[in-house]
C-alpha cells in the first residue's frame, strides 16, 4: 500500500455504503418531510469535516498543553502573579482540550449513528429527534422533550 493510499480520505459512499437505503429509515417528526439522500450526505459531510477540524485542533491543543505542563516547574524567581497566571493558563488550556475531546466524541458518535442507520432516533425514548433539529444541531442524540427532561435533572 502506498503512502497516497493511506492518506486518501474515504468517500461518503465508502464510509456509508448503505446510506441510500438507510436514509429512508431516518425518523422525522410529524409534519416534516422525510430525509433525502442529498440532505443526509450534507449532514454527514458536515460532521466529517468537523471531526477532521477538531482532530487537528486537538493535536495542537495537546501539544500546547504539554508544553505548558513541561514549563510549569520553571518558576524559579517568578512572583505569585506570574505563578498564578501560569496556573490559570494551564487550567484554561486543559478545559479547552477536554471540551474539544467531548465535541469530537459527539461528532464521531453522530457519524456512527448515520452509518448504523439510527440517525434521527432519540437515544432515550426511541422517538424521532426531528429533522429540523438535526439540521441545526447534527450531533443531537435526544428529542427536545428528552433533552428538556435531562436538563431539569
N, C-alpha and C. Protein backbone atom coordinates (compact mmCIF):
# COMPACT_ATOMS: atom_id res chain seq x y z
N UNK A 1 0.85 -1.17 0.00
CA UNK A 1 0.00 0.00 0.00
C UNK A 1 0.90 1.24 0.00
N UNK A 2 0.64 2.17 -0.89
CA UNK A 2 1.47 3.36 -0.98
C UNK A 2 1.02 4.40 0.05
N UNK A 3 1.86 5.40 0.24
CA UNK A 3 1.55 6.48 1.17
C UNK A 3 0.29 7.20 0.72
N UNK A 4 0.13 7.37 -0.58
CA UNK A 4 -1.07 8.04 -1.09
C UNK A 4 -2.34 7.29 -0.71
N UNK A 5 -2.30 5.96 -0.75
CA UNK A 5 -3.47 5.16 -0.38
C UNK A 5 -3.81 5.35 1.09
N UNK A 6 -2.78 5.45 1.94
CA UNK A 6 -3.00 5.61 3.37
C UNK A 6 -3.59 6.98 3.69
N UNK A 7 -3.20 8.01 2.94
CA UNK A 7 -3.64 9.37 3.20
C UNK A 7 -5.00 9.68 2.56
N UNK A 8 -5.45 8.87 1.63
CA UNK A 8 -6.69 9.13 0.92
C UNK A 8 -7.86 9.03 1.88
N UNK A 9 -8.69 10.05 1.86
CA UNK A 9 -9.88 10.06 2.70
C UNK A 9 -10.97 9.25 2.01
N UNK A 10 -11.62 8.36 2.73
CA UNK A 10 -12.69 7.56 2.12
C UNK A 10 -13.84 8.46 1.66
N UNK A 11 -14.46 8.10 0.57
CA UNK A 11 -15.60 8.86 0.07
C UNK A 11 -16.81 8.60 0.96
N UNK A 12 -17.86 9.41 0.77
CA UNK A 12 -19.09 9.19 1.54
C UNK A 12 -19.67 7.82 1.25
N UNK A 13 -19.61 7.40 -0.02
CA UNK A 13 -20.14 6.08 -0.38
C UNK A 13 -19.37 4.96 0.31
N UNK A 14 -18.06 5.16 0.50
CA UNK A 14 -17.25 4.15 1.19
C UNK A 14 -17.52 4.16 2.70
N UNK A 15 -17.70 5.36 3.26
CA UNK A 15 -17.98 5.47 4.69
C UNK A 15 -19.38 4.97 5.04
N UNK A 16 -20.32 5.24 4.15
CA UNK A 16 -21.72 4.91 4.40
C UNK A 16 -22.29 4.12 3.22
N UNK A 17 -21.87 2.86 3.07
CA UNK A 17 -22.29 2.08 1.90
C UNK A 17 -23.79 1.83 1.81
N UNK A 18 -24.50 1.89 2.96
CA UNK A 18 -25.94 1.61 2.96
C UNK A 18 -26.78 2.89 3.06
N UNK A 19 -26.16 4.05 2.91
CA UNK A 19 -26.86 5.31 3.16
C UNK A 19 -28.09 5.48 2.28
N UNK A 20 -28.00 5.07 1.03
CA UNK A 20 -29.15 5.21 0.13
C UNK A 20 -30.37 4.48 0.69
N UNK A 21 -30.14 3.31 1.28
CA UNK A 21 -31.24 2.54 1.89
C UNK A 21 -31.57 3.06 3.28
N UNK A 22 -30.53 3.32 4.08
CA UNK A 22 -30.74 3.73 5.48
C UNK A 22 -31.44 5.06 5.63
N UNK A 23 -31.20 5.98 4.70
CA UNK A 23 -31.80 7.32 4.82
C UNK A 23 -33.33 7.23 4.88
N UNK A 24 -33.87 6.20 4.29
CA UNK A 24 -35.33 6.02 4.30
C UNK A 24 -35.84 5.64 5.69
N UNK A 25 -34.94 5.16 6.56
CA UNK A 25 -35.35 4.76 7.91
C UNK A 25 -35.09 5.86 8.95
N UNK A 26 -34.44 6.96 8.55
CA UNK A 26 -34.20 8.05 9.48
C UNK A 26 -35.54 8.65 9.88
N UNK A 27 -35.81 8.66 11.18
CA UNK A 27 -37.10 9.15 11.67
C UNK A 27 -37.21 10.66 11.52
N UNK A 28 -38.43 11.11 11.28
CA UNK A 28 -38.74 12.54 11.26
C UNK A 28 -39.98 12.77 12.12
N UNK A 29 -40.14 13.99 12.58
CA UNK A 29 -41.32 14.32 13.39
C UNK A 29 -42.52 14.51 12.48
N UNK A 30 -43.68 14.41 13.05
CA UNK A 30 -44.91 14.61 12.30
C UNK A 30 -44.90 15.98 11.64
N UNK A 31 -45.23 16.01 10.37
CA UNK A 31 -45.26 17.26 9.62
C UNK A 31 -43.96 17.58 8.89
N UNK A 32 -42.90 16.82 9.17
CA UNK A 32 -41.63 17.04 8.48
C UNK A 32 -41.54 16.14 7.25
N UNK A 33 -40.85 16.62 6.24
CA UNK A 33 -40.60 15.81 5.05
C UNK A 33 -39.55 14.76 5.39
N UNK A 34 -39.63 13.59 4.78
CA UNK A 34 -38.60 12.56 5.01
C UNK A 34 -37.21 13.07 4.58
N UNK A 35 -36.19 12.48 5.17
CA UNK A 35 -34.82 12.80 4.78
C UNK A 35 -34.60 12.41 3.33
N UNK A 36 -33.89 13.25 2.60
CA UNK A 36 -33.46 12.90 1.25
C UNK A 36 -32.00 12.46 1.33
N UNK A 37 -31.56 11.75 0.33
CA UNK A 37 -30.16 11.31 0.28
C UNK A 37 -29.23 12.53 0.27
N UNK A 38 -29.61 13.56 -0.47
CA UNK A 38 -28.80 14.78 -0.56
C UNK A 38 -28.66 15.43 0.82
N UNK A 39 -29.75 15.50 1.59
CA UNK A 39 -29.71 16.09 2.93
C UNK A 39 -28.84 15.26 3.87
N UNK A 40 -28.99 13.95 3.81
CA UNK A 40 -28.19 13.07 4.67
C UNK A 40 -26.71 13.19 4.33
N UNK A 41 -26.39 13.26 3.04
CA UNK A 41 -24.99 13.42 2.63
C UNK A 41 -24.44 14.75 3.10
N UNK A 42 -25.25 15.79 3.06
CA UNK A 42 -24.80 17.11 3.51
C UNK A 42 -24.48 17.09 5.00
N UNK A 43 -25.34 16.48 5.80
CA UNK A 43 -25.10 16.39 7.24
C UNK A 43 -23.86 15.53 7.51
N UNK A 44 -23.74 14.41 6.82
CA UNK A 44 -22.59 13.53 7.01
C UNK A 44 -21.30 14.25 6.64
N UNK A 45 -21.31 14.97 5.54
CA UNK A 45 -20.12 15.72 5.11
C UNK A 45 -19.74 16.78 6.13
N UNK A 46 -20.74 17.46 6.67
CA UNK A 46 -20.50 18.48 7.69
C UNK A 46 -19.87 17.86 8.94
N UNK A 47 -20.40 16.73 9.36
CA UNK A 47 -19.87 16.05 10.55
C UNK A 47 -18.43 15.57 10.32
N UNK A 48 -18.16 15.01 9.16
CA UNK A 48 -16.82 14.53 8.83
C UNK A 48 -15.84 15.69 8.82
N UNK A 49 -16.21 16.78 8.20
CA UNK A 49 -15.34 17.97 8.15
C UNK A 49 -15.07 18.48 9.57
N UNK A 50 -16.09 18.47 10.40
CA UNK A 50 -15.93 18.93 11.79
C UNK A 50 -14.99 18.00 12.56
N UNK A 51 -15.11 16.70 12.36
CA UNK A 51 -14.22 15.74 13.01
C UNK A 51 -12.77 16.00 12.59
N UNK A 52 -12.57 16.19 11.30
CA UNK A 52 -11.21 16.42 10.81
C UNK A 52 -10.64 17.72 11.38
N UNK A 53 -11.45 18.78 11.46
CA UNK A 53 -11.01 20.05 12.03
C UNK A 53 -10.68 19.89 13.52
N UNK A 54 -11.55 19.20 14.24
CA UNK A 54 -11.35 19.01 15.67
C UNK A 54 -10.12 18.16 15.97
N UNK A 55 -9.83 17.17 15.14
CA UNK A 55 -8.64 16.34 15.35
C UNK A 55 -7.37 17.18 15.25
N UNK A 56 -7.32 18.09 14.28
CA UNK A 56 -6.17 18.97 14.12
C UNK A 56 -6.08 19.92 15.32
N UNK A 57 -7.23 20.51 15.68
CA UNK A 57 -7.29 21.43 16.81
C UNK A 57 -6.85 20.73 18.10
N UNK A 58 -7.30 19.51 18.29
CA UNK A 58 -6.96 18.75 19.50
C UNK A 58 -5.47 18.43 19.55
N UNK A 59 -4.90 18.05 18.43
CA UNK A 59 -3.47 17.75 18.38
C UNK A 59 -2.66 18.99 18.75
N UNK A 60 -3.05 20.15 18.21
CA UNK A 60 -2.35 21.40 18.52
C UNK A 60 -2.53 21.78 19.99
N UNK A 61 -3.73 21.64 20.50
CA UNK A 61 -4.01 21.99 21.90
C UNK A 61 -3.28 21.04 22.85
N UNK A 62 -3.23 19.76 22.51
CA UNK A 62 -2.50 18.78 23.33
C UNK A 62 -1.01 19.14 23.39
N UNK A 63 -0.46 19.54 22.24
CA UNK A 63 0.95 19.93 22.19
C UNK A 63 1.19 21.17 23.05
N UNK A 64 0.29 22.14 22.96
CA UNK A 64 0.44 23.37 23.75
C UNK A 64 0.29 23.07 25.25
N UNK A 65 -0.66 22.21 25.59
CA UNK A 65 -0.84 21.85 27.00
C UNK A 65 0.40 21.12 27.53
N UNK A 66 0.94 20.22 26.74
CA UNK A 66 2.16 19.51 27.14
C UNK A 66 3.30 20.49 27.38
N UNK A 67 3.41 21.48 26.51
CA UNK A 67 4.46 22.50 26.67
C UNK A 67 4.24 23.30 27.95
N UNK A 68 2.99 23.68 28.21
CA UNK A 68 2.69 24.42 29.44
C UNK A 68 3.02 23.61 30.68
N UNK A 69 2.66 22.33 30.65
CA UNK A 69 2.94 21.46 31.80
C UNK A 69 4.44 21.23 31.97
N UNK A 70 5.15 21.11 30.86
CA UNK A 70 6.59 20.89 30.91
C UNK A 70 7.30 22.11 31.52
N UNK A 71 6.79 23.29 31.22
CA UNK A 71 7.42 24.53 31.69
C UNK A 71 6.88 25.00 33.03
N UNK A 72 5.95 24.26 33.61
CA UNK A 72 5.34 24.71 34.87
C UNK A 72 6.31 24.68 36.03
N UNK A 73 7.36 23.93 35.93
CA UNK A 73 8.33 23.85 37.02
C UNK A 73 9.43 24.89 36.92
N UNK A 74 9.42 25.69 35.86
CA UNK A 74 10.46 26.68 35.66
C UNK A 74 10.18 27.98 36.40
N UNK A 75 9.48 27.91 37.52
CA UNK A 75 9.03 29.12 38.20
C UNK A 75 10.06 29.75 39.11
N UNK A 76 11.31 29.36 39.06
CA UNK A 76 12.32 29.96 39.92
C UNK A 76 12.40 31.45 39.65
N UNK A 77 12.14 32.23 40.68
CA UNK A 77 12.20 33.68 40.53
C UNK A 77 10.88 34.31 40.14
N UNK A 78 9.89 33.50 39.77
CA UNK A 78 8.58 34.05 39.43
C UNK A 78 7.91 34.58 40.68
N UNK A 79 7.20 35.68 40.53
CA UNK A 79 6.43 36.15 41.68
C UNK A 79 5.08 35.44 41.68
N UNK A 80 4.28 35.69 42.69
CA UNK A 80 2.99 34.99 42.82
C UNK A 80 2.06 35.28 41.65
N UNK A 81 2.10 36.48 41.11
CA UNK A 81 1.22 36.83 39.99
C UNK A 81 1.58 36.01 38.76
N UNK A 82 2.90 35.87 38.50
CA UNK A 82 3.33 35.06 37.35
C UNK A 82 2.93 33.60 37.53
N UNK A 83 3.10 33.11 38.73
CA UNK A 83 2.76 31.73 39.03
C UNK A 83 1.25 31.50 38.88
N UNK A 84 0.46 32.44 39.39
CA UNK A 84 -1.00 32.34 39.27
C UNK A 84 -1.45 32.45 37.83
N UNK A 85 -0.82 33.31 37.08
CA UNK A 85 -1.15 33.49 35.66
C UNK A 85 -0.85 32.21 34.88
N UNK A 86 0.28 31.58 35.19
CA UNK A 86 0.64 30.32 34.52
C UNK A 86 -0.35 29.22 34.87
N UNK A 87 -0.76 29.16 36.12
CA UNK A 87 -1.73 28.13 36.54
C UNK A 87 -3.06 28.35 35.84
N UNK A 88 -3.47 29.61 35.71
CA UNK A 88 -4.73 29.91 35.03
C UNK A 88 -4.65 29.53 33.55
N UNK A 89 -3.53 29.82 32.94
CA UNK A 89 -3.34 29.47 31.53
C UNK A 89 -3.41 27.96 31.32
N UNK A 90 -2.75 27.20 32.21
CA UNK A 90 -2.80 25.73 32.12
C UNK A 90 -4.23 25.23 32.30
N UNK A 91 -4.94 25.80 33.26
CA UNK A 91 -6.31 25.38 33.52
C UNK A 91 -7.22 25.68 32.32
N UNK A 92 -7.04 26.84 31.72
CA UNK A 92 -7.84 27.19 30.54
C UNK A 92 -7.54 26.26 29.37
N UNK A 93 -6.28 25.95 29.17
CA UNK A 93 -5.90 25.05 28.08
C UNK A 93 -6.44 23.65 28.32
N UNK A 94 -6.38 23.19 29.56
CA UNK A 94 -6.92 21.88 29.90
C UNK A 94 -8.43 21.83 29.66
N UNK A 95 -9.13 22.88 30.03
CA UNK A 95 -10.57 22.97 29.78
C UNK A 95 -10.86 22.93 28.28
N UNK A 96 -10.07 23.67 27.51
CA UNK A 96 -10.24 23.69 26.06
C UNK A 96 -10.02 22.29 25.47
N UNK A 97 -8.97 21.61 25.91
CA UNK A 97 -8.67 20.26 25.42
C UNK A 97 -9.83 19.31 25.75
N UNK A 98 -10.32 19.37 26.97
CA UNK A 98 -11.42 18.49 27.37
C UNK A 98 -12.69 18.78 26.58
N UNK A 99 -13.00 20.06 26.37
CA UNK A 99 -14.19 20.43 25.58
C UNK A 99 -14.05 19.97 24.13
N UNK A 100 -12.86 20.11 23.58
CA UNK A 100 -12.62 19.68 22.19
C UNK A 100 -12.76 18.17 22.08
N UNK A 101 -12.23 17.43 23.04
CA UNK A 101 -12.38 15.96 23.04
C UNK A 101 -13.85 15.56 23.09
N UNK A 102 -14.62 16.25 23.93
CA UNK A 102 -16.04 15.95 24.07
C UNK A 102 -16.78 16.22 22.75
N UNK A 103 -16.49 17.34 22.13
CA UNK A 103 -17.13 17.69 20.86
C UNK A 103 -16.73 16.70 19.77
N UNK A 104 -15.49 16.29 19.77
CA UNK A 104 -15.02 15.29 18.81
C UNK A 104 -15.76 13.98 18.99
N UNK A 105 -15.95 13.57 20.24
CA UNK A 105 -16.68 12.32 20.53
C UNK A 105 -18.13 12.44 20.08
N UNK A 106 -18.76 13.57 20.30
CA UNK A 106 -20.16 13.76 19.88
C UNK A 106 -20.29 13.66 18.36
N UNK A 107 -19.38 14.30 17.63
CA UNK A 107 -19.41 14.24 16.17
C UNK A 107 -19.16 12.83 15.67
N UNK A 108 -18.21 12.13 16.28
CA UNK A 108 -17.91 10.76 15.89
C UNK A 108 -19.12 9.86 16.14
N UNK A 109 -19.78 10.07 17.26
CA UNK A 109 -20.97 9.29 17.59
C UNK A 109 -22.08 9.53 16.55
N UNK A 110 -22.25 10.77 16.14
CA UNK A 110 -23.27 11.09 15.13
C UNK A 110 -22.95 10.39 13.81
N UNK A 111 -21.68 10.36 13.43
CA UNK A 111 -21.27 9.66 12.20
C UNK A 111 -21.57 8.17 12.33
N UNK A 112 -21.29 7.61 13.49
CA UNK A 112 -21.57 6.19 13.73
C UNK A 112 -23.08 5.92 13.63
N UNK A 113 -23.89 6.83 14.11
CA UNK A 113 -25.34 6.66 14.04
C UNK A 113 -25.84 6.71 12.60
N UNK A 114 -25.23 7.57 11.79
CA UNK A 114 -25.59 7.61 10.36
C UNK A 114 -25.23 6.27 9.73
N UNK A 115 -24.01 5.79 10.00
CA UNK A 115 -23.54 4.53 9.42
C UNK A 115 -24.40 3.35 9.87
N UNK A 116 -24.93 3.42 11.10
CA UNK A 116 -25.74 2.32 11.63
C UNK A 116 -27.21 2.43 11.23
N UNK A 117 -27.58 3.54 10.61
CA UNK A 117 -28.98 3.72 10.20
C UNK A 117 -29.89 4.15 11.33
N UNK A 118 -29.32 4.61 12.45
CA UNK A 118 -30.13 5.01 13.61
C UNK A 118 -30.18 6.53 13.79
N UNK A 119 -29.61 7.26 12.85
CA UNK A 119 -29.61 8.71 12.94
C UNK A 119 -31.06 9.21 12.92
N UNK A 120 -31.36 10.15 13.77
CA UNK A 120 -32.71 10.71 13.83
C UNK A 120 -33.58 10.08 14.90
N UNK A 121 -33.08 9.04 15.54
CA UNK A 121 -33.85 8.35 16.59
C UNK A 121 -33.32 8.77 17.96
N UNK A 122 -34.21 9.20 18.84
CA UNK A 122 -33.85 9.62 20.18
C UNK A 122 -33.27 8.43 20.95
N UNK A 123 -32.12 8.63 21.57
CA UNK A 123 -31.48 7.54 22.31
C UNK A 123 -32.16 7.27 23.65
N UNK A 124 -33.09 8.12 24.05
CA UNK A 124 -33.78 7.92 25.31
C UNK A 124 -35.13 7.25 25.10
N UNK A 125 -35.98 7.86 24.27
CA UNK A 125 -37.35 7.36 24.12
C UNK A 125 -37.57 6.56 22.84
N UNK A 126 -36.63 6.63 21.90
CA UNK A 126 -36.78 5.89 20.64
C UNK A 126 -37.63 6.61 19.60
N UNK A 127 -38.15 7.78 19.94
CA UNK A 127 -38.95 8.57 19.00
C UNK A 127 -38.05 9.39 18.09
N UNK A 128 -38.67 10.15 17.18
CA UNK A 128 -37.88 10.97 16.27
C UNK A 128 -37.30 12.21 16.97
N UNK A 129 -36.05 12.51 16.66
CA UNK A 129 -35.41 13.72 17.19
C UNK A 129 -35.96 14.93 16.46
N UNK A 130 -36.18 14.79 15.20
CA UNK A 130 -36.66 15.90 14.38
C UNK A 130 -35.62 16.30 13.37
N UNK A 131 -36.02 16.32 12.14
CA UNK A 131 -35.10 16.65 11.05
C UNK A 131 -34.58 18.08 11.20
N UNK A 132 -35.47 19.02 11.49
CA UNK A 132 -35.06 20.42 11.62
C UNK A 132 -34.04 20.56 12.75
N UNK A 133 -34.26 19.88 13.86
CA UNK A 133 -33.32 19.92 15.00
C UNK A 133 -31.96 19.38 14.59
N UNK A 134 -31.95 18.27 13.87
CA UNK A 134 -30.69 17.66 13.45
C UNK A 134 -29.97 18.51 12.40
N UNK A 135 -30.72 19.19 11.56
CA UNK A 135 -30.06 20.04 10.57
C UNK A 135 -29.42 21.25 11.26
N UNK A 136 -30.02 21.70 12.36
CA UNK A 136 -29.46 22.82 13.12
C UNK A 136 -28.34 22.35 14.05
N UNK A 137 -28.50 21.16 14.62
CA UNK A 137 -27.55 20.61 15.59
C UNK A 137 -27.35 19.13 15.27
N UNK A 138 -26.48 18.82 14.29
CA UNK A 138 -26.34 17.44 13.80
C UNK A 138 -25.87 16.42 14.83
N UNK A 139 -25.35 16.86 15.96
CA UNK A 139 -24.85 15.95 16.99
C UNK A 139 -25.94 15.54 17.98
N UNK A 140 -27.14 16.07 17.84
CA UNK A 140 -28.21 15.79 18.79
C UNK A 140 -28.49 14.29 18.85
N UNK A 141 -28.65 13.80 20.08
CA UNK A 141 -28.98 12.38 20.28
C UNK A 141 -30.32 12.22 20.98
N UNK A 142 -30.89 13.33 21.43
CA UNK A 142 -32.17 13.30 22.15
C UNK A 142 -33.18 14.22 21.48
N UNK A 143 -34.44 13.82 21.55
CA UNK A 143 -35.50 14.70 21.07
C UNK A 143 -35.62 15.88 22.06
N UNK A 144 -36.35 16.91 21.69
CA UNK A 144 -36.47 18.10 22.53
C UNK A 144 -37.04 17.75 23.90
N UNK A 145 -38.06 16.91 23.94
CA UNK A 145 -38.69 16.55 25.21
C UNK A 145 -37.71 15.86 26.14
N UNK A 146 -36.97 14.88 25.64
CA UNK A 146 -36.00 14.16 26.47
C UNK A 146 -34.84 15.07 26.87
N UNK A 147 -34.42 15.96 25.99
CA UNK A 147 -33.34 16.88 26.31
C UNK A 147 -33.77 17.83 27.43
N UNK A 148 -35.01 18.32 27.36
CA UNK A 148 -35.52 19.21 28.42
C UNK A 148 -35.59 18.46 29.75
N UNK A 149 -36.03 17.22 29.71
CA UNK A 149 -36.11 16.40 30.90
C UNK A 149 -34.72 16.20 31.51
N UNK A 150 -33.73 15.94 30.65
CA UNK A 150 -32.34 15.75 31.10
C UNK A 150 -31.79 17.03 31.75
N UNK A 151 -32.09 18.16 31.18
CA UNK A 151 -31.57 19.42 31.69
C UNK A 151 -32.20 19.82 33.01
N UNK A 152 -33.42 19.36 33.27
CA UNK A 152 -34.09 19.68 34.54
C UNK A 152 -33.49 18.91 35.70
N UNK A 153 -32.84 17.81 35.43
CA UNK A 153 -32.25 16.95 36.49
C UNK A 153 -31.06 17.60 37.12
